[in-house]
Amino acid sequence: MTFKTSLASIILIVLIACITFAAAIGITYIFPSIGTITETKATIYIEEVPWANGTIINWGNMARNTTYAYNFTVKNTGTTTFNVTLEITEIPVGISYRWVANGTVLKPNEYAMADLELTVGLSAVNGTYSMGTYHVILKEA
């Protein structure tokens, strides 16, 4: 046996021993891991004044066949991108609403700003009404 053959044999034996040892103990991979906690959050403004949850919007005296408007703004103050929708439930018969910013996708710190229009139709009956319950719905986009 020559020196080259012996050296090659020794390297082969060491390599097989290393592979066998690694297979016996397993191989561990170490890598960093990070995560971010996100928050879906918005601030709502009516006529540029922050609106507190539960605050009444007073539409005042209203006449048939007339549309009234308040500037209604939603600002994304969270850390996620979301789609914003305004729904009003339990609205009186003969009265309708519209907010053209419905469906707007807002990234953090962006605004959706448009007039919230309330239209009193000809079929509306005289009286004092609750103008429904306002729901601002934020769905992650």
Protein backbone atom coordinates (compact mmCIF):
# COMPACT_ATOMS: atom_id res chain seq x y z
CA MET A 1 0.00 0.00 0.00
CA THR A 2 1.36 3.37 -0.95
CA PHE A 3 1.24 6.54 1.09
CA LYS A 4 -1.36 8.09 -1.26
CA THR A 5 -3.59 5.03 -0.98
CA SER A 6 -3.24 5.00 2.84
CA LEU A 7 -4.03 8.71 3.06
CA ALA A 8 -7.06 8.27 0.81
CA SER A 9 -8.22 5.33 2.93
CA ILE A 10 -7.80 7.32 6.15
CA ILE A 11 -9.74 10.29 4.70
CA LEU A 12 -12.50 7.93 3.54
CA ILE A 13 -12.69 6.29 6.99
CA VAL A 14 -12.82 9.70 8.72
CA LEU A 15 -15.51 10.91 6.31
CA ILE A 16 -17.63 7.78 6.90
CA ALA A 17 -17.17 8.20 10.65
CA CYS A 18 -18.29 11.85 10.47
CA ILE A 19 -21.36 10.97 8.41
CA THR A 20 -22.22 8.12 10.77
CA PHE A 21 -21.72 10.37 13.81
CA ALA A 22 -23.86 13.15 12.27
CA ALA A 23 -26.60 10.63 11.44
CA ALA A 24 -26.46 9.24 14.96
CA ILE A 25 -26.76 12.59 16.76
CA GLY A 26 -28.78 14.48 14.14
CA ILE A 27 -28.00 17.79 12.57
CA THR A 28 -29.23 20.99 14.17
CA TYR A 29 -29.95 24.07 12.12
CA ILE A 30 -30.03 27.38 13.96
CA PHE A 31 -31.79 30.39 12.43
CA PRO A 32 -33.30 33.60 13.79
CA SER A 33 -37.07 34.05 13.88
CA ILE A 34 -39.01 37.28 14.14
CA GLY A 35 -42.69 38.16 14.36
CA THR A 36 -44.85 41.26 14.38
CA ILE A 37 -48.08 41.76 16.27
CA THR A 38 -50.41 43.85 14.11
CA GLU A 39 -53.39 45.96 15.04
CA THR A 40 -56.44 46.90 13.04
CA LYS A 41 -57.49 50.27 14.44
CA ALA A 42 -59.13 53.43 13.14
CA THR A 43 -60.07 56.91 14.26
CA ILE A 44 -63.36 58.31 12.97
CA TYR A 45 -64.00 62.01 12.42
CA ILE A 46 -67.26 63.84 11.80
CA GLU A 47 -66.76 67.35 10.48
CA GLU A 48 -63.05 66.89 11.31
CA VAL A 49 -63.74 66.28 15.03
CA PRO A 50 -62.85 62.86 16.47
CA TRP A 51 -66.00 60.82 17.04
CA ALA A 52 -66.27 58.80 20.25
CA ASN A 53 -68.05 55.46 20.04
CA GLY A 54 -71.67 55.97 21.04
CA THR A 55 -71.74 59.72 20.36
CA ILE A 56 -75.04 60.82 18.79
CA ILE A 57 -74.97 62.42 15.36
CA ASN A 58 -77.65 65.12 15.45
CA TRP A 59 -79.08 65.71 11.99
CA GLY A 60 -81.36 68.48 13.34
CA ASN A 61 -84.67 69.40 11.70
CA MET A 62 -85.08 67.70 8.36
CA ALA A 63 -87.46 68.19 5.44
CA ARG A 64 -88.76 65.68 2.88
CA ASN A 65 -87.07 65.44 -0.50
CA THR A 66 -83.83 66.86 0.91
CA THR A 67 -80.31 65.48 1.33
CA TYR A 68 -78.15 66.40 4.30
CA ALA A 69 -74.42 65.77 4.65
CA TYR A 70 -71.69 65.52 7.25
CA ASN A 71 -68.04 65.05 6.39
CA PHE A 72 -67.26 61.52 7.59
CA THR A 73 -63.60 60.45 7.72
CA VAL A 74 -61.93 57.21 8.75
CA LYS A 75 -58.18 57.21 9.42
CA ASN A 76 -56.20 53.98 9.67
CA THR A 77 -54.32 54.37 12.97
CA GLY A 78 -53.29 50.72 13.18
CA THR A 79 -50.50 48.71 11.63
CA THR A 80 -52.45 46.67 9.06
CA THR A 81 -54.04 47.49 5.73
CA PHE A 82 -57.83 47.20 5.78
CA ASN A 83 -60.98 47.75 3.76
CA VAL A 84 -63.44 50.17 5.39
CA THR A 85 -67.23 50.00 5.10
CA LEU A 86 -69.89 52.10 6.78
CA GLU A 87 -73.27 50.46 7.36
CA ILE A 88 -76.26 52.00 9.07
CA THR A 89 -78.83 49.55 10.42
CA GLU A 90 -82.36 50.24 11.68
CA ILE A 91 -82.70 53.34 9.53
CA PRO A 92 -86.29 54.70 9.36
CA VAL A 93 -88.51 54.01 6.36
CA GLY A 94 -88.26 56.75 3.75
CA ILE A 95 -84.72 57.73 4.74
CA SER A 96 -81.58 56.49 2.98
CA TYR A 97 -77.86 57.05 3.34
CA ARG A 98 -74.77 57.01 1.16
CA TRP A 99 -71.04 57.19 1.88
CA VAL A 100 -69.05 56.99 -1.35
CA ALA A 101 -65.85 55.95 0.45
CA ASN A 102 -67.30 52.49 1.20
CA GLY A 103 -64.87 49.81 0.08
CA THR A 104 -61.78 52.02 0.32
CA VAL A 105 -58.56 50.14 1.15
CA LEU A 106 -56.52 52.04 3.73
CA LYS A 107 -52.87 51.47 4.51
CA PRO A 108 -51.58 52.64 7.92
CA ASN A 109 -51.97 56.45 8.32
CA GLU A 110 -54.22 56.80 5.24
CA TYR A 111 -57.68 58.42 5.27
CA ALA A 112 -61.01 57.70 3.61
CA MET A 113 -62.89 60.99 3.49
CA ALA A 114 -66.31 61.65 1.98
CA ASP A 115 -69.65 63.19 2.85
CA LEU A 116 -72.06 60.93 4.67
CA GLU A 117 -75.34 61.82 2.95
CA LEU A 118 -78.73 61.25 4.53
CA THR A 119 -81.67 61.68 2.17
CA VAL A 120 -85.21 62.16 3.43
CA GLY A 121 -87.60 60.82 0.81
CA LEU A 122 -91.13 61.95 0.09
CA SER A 123 -92.50 58.89 1.88
CA ALA A 124 -90.90 59.84 5.23
CA VAL A 125 -93.45 60.51 7.96
CA ASN A 126 -93.25 63.49 10.35
CA GLY A 127 -91.66 62.68 13.69
CA THR A 128 -88.45 62.44 15.67
CA TYR A 129 -86.39 59.38 14.77
CA SER A 130 -83.26 57.58 15.71
CA MET A 131 -81.28 57.55 12.50
CA GLY A 132 -80.12 54.00 13.04
CA THR A 133 -76.99 52.39 14.38
CA TYR A 134 -73.71 53.21 12.64
CA HIS A 135 -71.24 50.38 12.05
CA VAL A 136 -67.76 51.11 10.77
CA ILE A 137 -66.46 47.75 9.59
CA LEU A 138 -62.72 47.21 9.14
CA LYS A 139 -61.65 44.05 7.29
CA GLU A 140 -58.00 43.27 6.75
CA ALA A 141 -57.15 43.55 3.08
